[in-house]
Amino acid sequence: MNTENLTPPTVAEMLRVTGLNTAEFMKQVAEHIDKLEQEKRDLELKLYDNLSLDEVKRHSERLGAVLTLLDQKGMRWLELSEYTD
């Protein structure tokens, strides 16, 4: 499946699909950001350990994915905060 042309749903679409109000959805996004921040810290610490090359690669790839998710969730949170104004 080619995902290059897929766009993320709008805030209004996400609220409609989830059935949550803006405050509830913002809380969910903030909680997810907190969990991703913790995972990021954990992965960064693991990279200082004496790891095999495969482990370094695996943790580095996951760290990249977590950073991407943090960016996306941060943007979503900003969109939600603007939606409440």
C-alpha atoms as a PDB file:
ATOM      1  CA  MET A   1       0.000   0.000   0.000  1.00  0.00           C
ATOM      2  CA  ASN A   2       1.403   3.391  -0.986  1.00  0.00           C
ATOM      3  CA  THR A   3       1.111   5.732   1.999  1.00  0.00           C
ATOM      4  CA  GLU A   4       2.943   8.725   0.512  1.00  0.00           C
ATOM      5  CA  ASN A   5      -0.258  10.554  -0.441  1.00  0.00           C
ATOM      6  CA  LEU A   6      -2.163   9.826   2.770  1.00  0.00           C
ATOM      7  CA  THR A   7      -2.855  12.873   4.898  1.00  0.00           C
ATOM      8  CA  PRO A   8      -3.540  12.705   8.615  1.00  0.00           C
ATOM      9  CA  PRO A   9      -7.128  13.324   9.655  1.00  0.00           C
ATOM     10  CA  THR A  10      -8.143  16.809  10.689  1.00  0.00           C
ATOM     11  CA  VAL A  11      -8.927  17.669  14.288  1.00  0.00           C
ATOM     12  CA  ALA A  12     -12.642  17.786  13.502  1.00  0.00           C
ATOM     13  CA  GLU A  13     -12.462  14.316  11.912  1.00  0.00           C
ATOM     14  CA  MET A  14     -10.573  12.898  14.902  1.00  0.00           C
ATOM     15  CA  LEU A  15     -13.090  14.328  17.351  1.00  0.00           C
ATOM     16  CA  ARG A  16     -15.992  12.995  15.309  1.00  0.00           C
ATOM     17  CA  VAL A  17     -14.484   9.508  14.956  1.00  0.00           C
ATOM     18  CA  THR A  18     -13.426   9.164  18.590  1.00  0.00           C
ATOM     19  CA  GLY A  19     -16.564  10.720  20.020  1.00  0.00           C
ATOM     20  CA  LEU A  20     -14.406  12.646  22.499  1.00  0.00           C
ATOM     21  CA  ASN A  21     -14.646  16.321  23.243  1.00  0.00           C
ATOM     22  CA  THR A  22     -11.597  18.507  22.667  1.00  0.00           C
ATOM     23  CA  ALA A  23     -10.424  18.460  26.292  1.00  0.00           C
ATOM     24  CA  GLU A  24     -10.634  14.653  26.505  1.00  0.00           C
ATOM     25  CA  PHE A  25      -8.789  14.254  23.232  1.00  0.00           C
ATOM     26  CA  MET A  26      -6.092  16.729  24.311  1.00  0.00           C
ATOM     27  CA  LYS A  27      -5.664  14.737  27.529  1.00  0.00           C
ATOM     28  CA  GLN A  28      -5.213  11.511  25.541  1.00  0.00           C
ATOM     29  CA  VAL A  29      -2.660  13.131  23.260  1.00  0.00           C
ATOM     30  CA  ALA A  30      -0.768  14.614  26.235  1.00  0.00           C
ATOM     31  CA  GLU A  31      -0.685  11.212  27.963  1.00  0.00           C
ATOM     32  CA  HIS A  32       0.639   9.586  24.808  1.00  0.00           C
ATOM     33  CA  ILE A  33       3.307  12.296  24.508  1.00  0.00           C
ATOM     34  CA  ASP A  34       4.364  11.636  28.122  1.00  0.00           C
ATOM     35  CA  LYS A  35       4.722   7.908  27.419  1.00  0.00           C
ATOM     36  CA  LEU A  36       6.716   8.575  24.261  1.00  0.00           C
ATOM     37  CA  GLU A  37       8.992  11.007  26.137  1.00  0.00           C
ATOM     38  CA  GLN A  38       9.678   8.311  28.733  1.00  0.00           C
ATOM     39  CA  GLU A  39      10.389   5.735  26.028  1.00  0.00           C
ATOM     40  CA  LYS A  40      12.742   8.228  24.355  1.00  0.00           C
ATOM     41  CA  ARG A  41      14.673   8.722  27.620  1.00  0.00           C
ATOM     42  CA  ASP A  42      14.839   4.956  28.153  1.00  0.00           C
ATOM     43  CA  LEU A  43      16.131   4.359  24.628  1.00  0.00           C
ATOM     44  CA  GLU A  44      18.724   7.114  24.949  1.00  0.00           C
ATOM     45  CA  LEU A  45      20.009   5.550  28.168  1.00  0.00           C
ATOM     46  CA  LYS A  46      20.131   2.096  26.585  1.00  0.00           C
ATOM     47  CA  LEU A  47      22.332   3.440  23.807  1.00  0.00           C
ATOM     48  CA  TYR A  48      25.004   4.214  26.425  1.00  0.00           C
ATOM     49  CA  ASP A  49      25.104   0.561  27.493  1.00  0.00           C
ATOM     50  CA  ASN A  50      27.526  -1.979  26.106  1.00  0.00           C
ATOM     51  CA  LEU A  51      25.290  -3.238  23.291  1.00  0.00           C
ATOM     52  CA  SER A  52      25.770  -5.453  20.314  1.00  0.00           C
ATOM     53  CA  LEU A  53      25.615  -3.868  16.881  1.00  0.00           C
ATOM     54  CA  ASP A  54      22.165  -5.405  16.327  1.00  0.00           C
ATOM     55  CA  GLU A  55      20.877  -3.935  19.599  1.00  0.00           C
ATOM     56  CA  VAL A  56      22.256  -0.495  18.756  1.00  0.00           C
ATOM     57  CA  LYS A  57      20.578  -0.685  15.359  1.00  0.00           C
ATOM     58  CA  ARG A  58      17.252  -1.819  16.834  1.00  0.00           C
ATOM     59  CA  HIS A  59      17.234   0.844  19.562  1.00  0.00           C
ATOM     60  CA  SER A  60      18.325   3.554  17.118  1.00  0.00           C
ATOM     61  CA  GLU A  61      15.547   2.657  14.687  1.00  0.00           C
ATOM     62  CA  ARG A  62      12.976   2.703  17.471  1.00  0.00           C
ATOM     63  CA  LEU A  63      14.335   6.019  18.747  1.00  0.00           C
ATOM     64  CA  GLY A  64      13.868   7.483  15.268  1.00  0.00           C
ATOM     65  CA  ALA A  65      10.288   6.221  15.184  1.00  0.00           C
ATOM     66  CA  VAL A  66       9.596   7.627  18.661  1.00  0.00           C
ATOM     67  CA  LEU A  67      10.981  11.029  17.634  1.00  0.00           C
ATOM     68  CA  THR A  68       8.723  11.026  14.574  1.00  0.00           C
ATOM     69  CA  LEU A  69       5.709  10.128  16.710  1.00  0.00           C
ATOM     70  CA  LEU A  70       6.587  12.854  19.215  1.00  0.00           C
ATOM     71  CA  ASP A  71       6.707  15.391  16.418  1.00  0.00           C
ATOM     72  CA  GLN A  72       3.352  14.232  15.056  1.00  0.00           C
ATOM     73  CA  LYS A  73       1.696  14.168  18.484  1.00  0.00           C
ATOM     74  CA  GLY A  74       3.128  17.587  19.316  1.00  0.00           C
ATOM     75  CA  MET A  75       1.642  19.012  16.137  1.00  0.00           C
ATOM     76  CA  ARG A  76      -1.680  17.335  16.906  1.00  0.00           C
ATOM     77  CA  TRP A  77      -1.669  18.850  20.389  1.00  0.00           C
ATOM     78  CA  LEU A  78      -0.976  22.303  18.927  1.00  0.00           C
ATOM     79  CA  GLU A  79      -3.828  21.859  16.444  1.00  0.00           C
ATOM     80  CA  LEU A  80      -6.155  20.856  19.266  1.00  0.00           C
ATOM     81  CA  SER A  81      -5.115  23.836  21.373  1.00  0.00           C
ATOM     82  CA  GLU A  82      -5.915  26.155  18.456  1.00  0.00           C
ATOM     83  CA  TYR A  83      -9.234  24.380  17.949  1.00  0.00           C
ATOM     84  CA  THR A  84     -10.283  25.218  21.519  1.00  0.00           C
ATOM     85  CA  ASP A  85      -9.633  28.967  21.092  1.00  0.00           C
END
